């Protein structure tokens, strides 16, 4: 699960109808109008874009841009490299 921070920020800003620069890492996104249905929409979108193990609870438990960026920017553990081999095997 690895999405770029700029992509995450842009997607959230678009959904909220604001500029990505207006969003601070510690702002509670639910205070800005993000509800559970919109979070689920982001989960589905980001799953199709490579975050296939993302779950609703991963985002809903702490609805801040900083937390989401940390969750979504993590490289997948045990992922194959470009040659198709797993690291350290």
N, C-alpha and C. Protein backbone atom coordinates (compact mmCIF):
# COMPACT_ATOMS: atom_id res chain seq x y z
N UNK A 1 0.86 -1.16 0.00
CA UNK A 1 0.00 0.00 0.00
C UNK A 1 0.91 1.22 0.00
N UNK A 2 1.04 1.85 -1.13
CA UNK A 2 1.90 3.02 -1.16
C UNK A 2 1.39 4.03 -2.18
N UNK A 3 0.79 5.09 -1.68
CA UNK A 3 0.36 6.20 -2.52
C UNK A 3 1.20 7.41 -2.16
N UNK A 4 1.42 8.28 -3.11
CA UNK A 4 2.19 9.50 -2.85
C UNK A 4 1.36 10.48 -2.02
N UNK A 5 2.04 11.20 -1.13
CA UNK A 5 1.38 12.16 -0.25
C UNK A 5 0.63 13.21 -1.06
N UNK A 6 1.20 13.67 -2.17
CA UNK A 6 0.56 14.69 -2.99
C UNK A 6 -0.77 14.20 -3.54
N UNK A 7 -0.82 12.93 -3.90
CA UNK A 7 -2.04 12.32 -4.44
C UNK A 7 -3.11 12.25 -3.35
N UNK A 8 -2.72 11.84 -2.17
CA UNK A 8 -3.65 11.74 -1.04
C UNK A 8 -4.23 13.11 -0.72
N UNK A 9 -3.36 14.09 -0.61
CA UNK A 9 -3.79 15.46 -0.28
C UNK A 9 -4.72 16.00 -1.35
N UNK A 10 -4.38 15.79 -2.62
CA UNK A 10 -5.20 16.29 -3.72
C UNK A 10 -6.57 15.64 -3.74
N UNK A 11 -6.63 14.34 -3.51
CA UNK A 11 -7.91 13.62 -3.52
C UNK A 11 -8.82 14.10 -2.39
N UNK A 12 -8.25 14.29 -1.21
CA UNK A 12 -9.04 14.75 -0.06
C UNK A 12 -9.52 16.18 -0.30
N UNK A 13 -8.62 17.03 -0.79
CA UNK A 13 -8.98 18.43 -1.05
C UNK A 13 -10.08 18.52 -2.10
N UNK A 14 -9.98 17.71 -3.13
CA UNK A 14 -11.02 17.72 -4.18
C UNK A 14 -12.37 17.32 -3.60
N UNK A 15 -12.37 16.31 -2.77
CA UNK A 15 -13.61 15.84 -2.15
C UNK A 15 -14.23 16.90 -1.23
N UNK A 16 -13.37 17.66 -0.56
CA UNK A 16 -13.84 18.69 0.36
C UNK A 16 -14.06 20.04 -0.33
N UNK A 17 -13.63 20.15 -1.58
CA UNK A 17 -13.80 21.39 -2.31
C UNK A 17 -12.90 22.51 -1.82
N UNK A 18 -11.66 22.17 -1.50
CA UNK A 18 -10.72 23.18 -1.04
C UNK A 18 -9.36 22.96 -1.69
N UNK A 19 -8.44 23.86 -1.42
CA UNK A 19 -7.08 23.75 -1.94
C UNK A 19 -6.28 22.82 -1.03
N UNK A 20 -5.45 21.94 -1.60
CA UNK A 20 -4.65 21.03 -0.75
C UNK A 20 -3.80 21.78 0.28
N UNK A 21 -3.35 22.98 -0.05
CA UNK A 21 -2.52 23.76 0.88
C UNK A 21 -3.29 24.18 2.14
N UNK A 22 -4.61 24.18 2.06
CA UNK A 22 -5.43 24.55 3.21
C UNK A 22 -5.51 23.44 4.25
N UNK A 23 -5.19 22.23 3.86
CA UNK A 23 -5.31 21.07 4.75
C UNK A 23 -4.03 20.88 5.55
N UNK A 24 -4.18 20.87 6.85
CA UNK A 24 -3.04 20.66 7.76
C UNK A 24 -3.03 19.21 8.22
N UNK A 25 -1.85 18.65 8.50
CA UNK A 25 -1.76 17.24 8.89
C UNK A 25 -2.60 16.84 10.10
N UNK A 26 -2.80 17.77 11.04
CA UNK A 26 -3.51 17.40 12.27
C UNK A 26 -4.98 17.82 12.28
N UNK A 27 -5.48 18.37 11.19
CA UNK A 27 -6.88 18.78 11.13
C UNK A 27 -7.78 17.55 11.06
N UNK A 28 -8.81 17.52 11.90
CA UNK A 28 -9.79 16.44 11.85
C UNK A 28 -10.66 16.65 10.62
N UNK A 29 -10.56 15.75 9.67
CA UNK A 29 -11.26 15.90 8.40
C UNK A 29 -12.78 15.81 8.54
N UNK A 30 -13.25 15.17 9.60
CA UNK A 30 -14.69 15.12 9.82
C UNK A 30 -15.22 16.50 10.21
N UNK A 31 -14.37 17.32 10.83
CA UNK A 31 -14.77 18.69 11.15
C UNK A 31 -14.95 19.53 9.89
N UNK A 32 -14.31 19.10 8.80
CA UNK A 32 -14.41 19.82 7.53
C UNK A 32 -15.52 19.27 6.64
N UNK A 33 -16.27 18.29 7.16
CA UNK A 33 -17.41 17.78 6.42
C UNK A 33 -17.23 16.40 5.82
N UNK A 34 -16.10 15.76 6.08
CA UNK A 34 -15.89 14.42 5.55
C UNK A 34 -16.66 13.43 6.41
N UNK A 35 -17.61 12.73 5.80
CA UNK A 35 -18.41 11.75 6.55
C UNK A 35 -18.01 10.33 6.16
N UNK A 36 -18.63 9.37 6.80
CA UNK A 36 -18.25 7.96 6.58
C UNK A 36 -18.47 7.51 5.13
N UNK A 37 -19.49 8.02 4.49
CA UNK A 37 -19.73 7.64 3.09
C UNK A 37 -18.61 8.14 2.19
N UNK A 38 -18.14 9.35 2.43
CA UNK A 38 -17.04 9.90 1.63
C UNK A 38 -15.73 9.17 1.93
N UNK A 39 -15.52 8.82 3.19
CA UNK A 39 -14.32 8.05 3.53
C UNK A 39 -14.35 6.71 2.81
N UNK A 40 -15.50 6.05 2.79
CA UNK A 40 -15.61 4.77 2.10
C UNK A 40 -15.34 4.94 0.60
N UNK A 41 -15.80 6.05 0.04
CA UNK A 41 -15.52 6.33 -1.37
C UNK A 41 -14.02 6.46 -1.62
N UNK A 42 -13.31 7.12 -0.71
CA UNK A 42 -11.86 7.23 -0.85
C UNK A 42 -11.19 5.87 -0.71
N UNK A 43 -11.66 5.06 0.23
CA UNK A 43 -11.12 3.71 0.40
C UNK A 43 -11.24 2.94 -0.92
N UNK A 44 -12.42 2.96 -1.52
CA UNK A 44 -12.63 2.24 -2.78
C UNK A 44 -11.74 2.79 -3.89
N UNK A 45 -11.65 4.11 -3.98
CA UNK A 45 -10.81 4.73 -5.00
C UNK A 45 -9.35 4.33 -4.81
N UNK A 46 -8.86 4.46 -3.60
CA UNK A 46 -7.45 4.17 -3.34
C UNK A 46 -7.13 2.69 -3.45
N UNK A 47 -8.10 1.82 -3.20
CA UNK A 47 -7.88 0.39 -3.44
C UNK A 47 -7.61 0.13 -4.91
N UNK A 48 -8.36 0.80 -5.78
CA UNK A 48 -8.16 0.60 -7.22
C UNK A 48 -6.86 1.21 -7.70
N UNK A 49 -6.28 2.09 -6.89
CA UNK A 49 -5.03 2.76 -7.26
C UNK A 49 -3.82 2.16 -6.56
N UNK A 50 -4.00 0.99 -5.97
CA UNK A 50 -2.85 0.28 -5.41
C UNK A 50 -2.87 0.01 -3.92
N UNK A 51 -3.76 0.62 -3.19
CA UNK A 51 -3.84 0.39 -1.74
C UNK A 51 -4.85 -0.72 -1.47
N UNK A 52 -4.59 -1.88 -2.07
CA UNK A 52 -5.58 -2.96 -2.06
C UNK A 52 -5.85 -3.58 -0.69
N UNK A 53 -5.00 -3.33 0.30
CA UNK A 53 -5.25 -3.86 1.64
C UNK A 53 -5.88 -2.82 2.57
N UNK A 54 -6.16 -1.64 2.05
CA UNK A 54 -6.74 -0.57 2.85
C UNK A 54 -8.14 -0.94 3.31
N UNK A 55 -8.41 -0.67 4.59
CA UNK A 55 -9.72 -0.92 5.17
C UNK A 55 -10.30 0.40 5.67
N UNK A 56 -11.61 0.48 5.73
CA UNK A 56 -12.30 1.67 6.22
C UNK A 56 -11.77 2.09 7.59
N UNK A 57 -11.59 1.14 8.49
CA UNK A 57 -11.13 1.43 9.85
C UNK A 57 -9.75 2.08 9.87
N UNK A 58 -8.91 1.77 8.89
CA UNK A 58 -7.58 2.37 8.82
C UNK A 58 -7.67 3.90 8.76
N UNK A 59 -8.69 4.40 8.09
CA UNK A 59 -8.86 5.84 7.96
C UNK A 59 -9.79 6.40 9.02
N UNK A 60 -10.87 5.71 9.31
CA UNK A 60 -11.89 6.23 10.22
C UNK A 60 -11.40 6.35 11.66
N UNK A 61 -10.47 5.50 12.07
CA UNK A 61 -10.02 5.54 13.46
C UNK A 61 -9.30 6.84 13.81
N UNK A 62 -8.68 7.46 12.82
CA UNK A 62 -8.00 8.74 13.05
C UNK A 62 -8.10 9.55 11.75
N UNK A 63 -9.18 10.32 11.61
CA UNK A 63 -9.43 11.02 10.35
C UNK A 63 -8.66 12.33 10.18
N UNK A 64 -7.33 12.20 10.17
CA UNK A 64 -6.47 13.36 9.91
C UNK A 64 -5.61 13.06 8.70
N UNK A 65 -5.27 14.10 7.98
CA UNK A 65 -4.46 13.93 6.77
C UNK A 65 -3.09 13.34 7.09
N UNK A 66 -2.52 13.74 8.22
CA UNK A 66 -1.21 13.21 8.61
C UNK A 66 -1.25 11.70 8.83
N UNK A 67 -2.28 11.24 9.54
CA UNK A 67 -2.42 9.80 9.79
C UNK A 67 -2.64 9.06 8.47
N UNK A 68 -3.54 9.57 7.65
CA UNK A 68 -3.83 8.91 6.38
C UNK A 68 -2.59 8.82 5.50
N UNK A 69 -1.80 9.88 5.49
CA UNK A 69 -0.59 9.88 4.68
C UNK A 69 0.39 8.83 5.18
N UNK A 70 0.53 8.71 6.50
CA UNK A 70 1.41 7.67 7.06
C UNK A 70 0.92 6.27 6.70
N UNK A 71 -0.38 6.04 6.83
CA UNK A 71 -0.95 4.73 6.53
C UNK A 71 -0.78 4.38 5.05
N UNK A 72 -1.09 5.32 4.19
CA UNK A 72 -1.09 5.05 2.75
C UNK A 72 0.27 5.12 2.10
N UNK A 73 1.24 5.72 2.77
CA UNK A 73 2.57 5.85 2.19
C UNK A 73 3.50 4.71 2.58
N UNK A 74 3.04 3.83 3.45
CA UNK A 74 3.86 2.69 3.86
C UNK A 74 4.06 1.74 2.70
N UNK A 75 5.29 1.31 2.47
CA UNK A 75 5.50 0.27 1.46
C UNK A 75 4.89 -1.04 1.94
N UNK A 76 4.45 -1.84 1.01
CA UNK A 76 3.85 -3.12 1.35
C UNK A 76 4.92 -4.06 1.86
N UNK A 77 4.71 -4.65 3.01
CA UNK A 77 5.66 -5.59 3.59
C UNK A 77 5.73 -6.85 2.75
N UNK A 78 6.95 -7.27 2.43
CA UNK A 78 7.12 -8.50 1.66
C UNK A 78 6.76 -8.35 0.20
N UNK A 79 6.64 -7.13 -0.27
CA UNK A 79 6.28 -6.91 -1.67
C UNK A 79 7.42 -7.36 -2.58
N UNK A 80 7.05 -7.74 -3.77
CA UNK A 80 8.05 -8.12 -4.75
C UNK A 80 8.69 -6.89 -5.33
N UNK A 81 9.98 -6.98 -5.66
CA UNK A 81 10.64 -5.87 -6.32
C UNK A 81 10.39 -5.95 -7.82
N UNK A 82 11.01 -5.08 -8.59
CA UNK A 82 10.78 -5.01 -10.04
C UNK A 82 11.11 -6.31 -10.76
N UNK A 83 12.01 -7.10 -10.20
CA UNK A 83 12.39 -8.37 -10.84
C UNK A 83 11.41 -9.48 -10.52
N UNK A 84 10.45 -9.20 -9.64
CA UNK A 84 9.47 -10.22 -9.26
C UNK A 84 9.90 -11.03 -8.07
N UNK A 85 11.04 -10.66 -7.46
CA UNK A 85 11.53 -11.38 -6.29
C UNK A 85 11.20 -10.62 -5.02
N UNK A 86 10.98 -11.38 -3.98
CA UNK A 86 10.74 -10.75 -2.68
C UNK A 86 12.10 -10.38 -2.09
N UNK A 87 12.17 -9.26 -1.39
CA UNK A 87 13.43 -8.87 -0.76
C UNK A 87 13.89 -9.93 0.25
N UNK A 88 15.19 -10.09 0.38
CA UNK A 88 15.80 -11.00 1.35
C UNK A 88 15.38 -12.45 1.16
N UNK A 89 15.20 -12.86 -0.08
CA UNK A 89 14.88 -14.28 -0.29
C UNK A 89 15.91 -14.90 -1.16
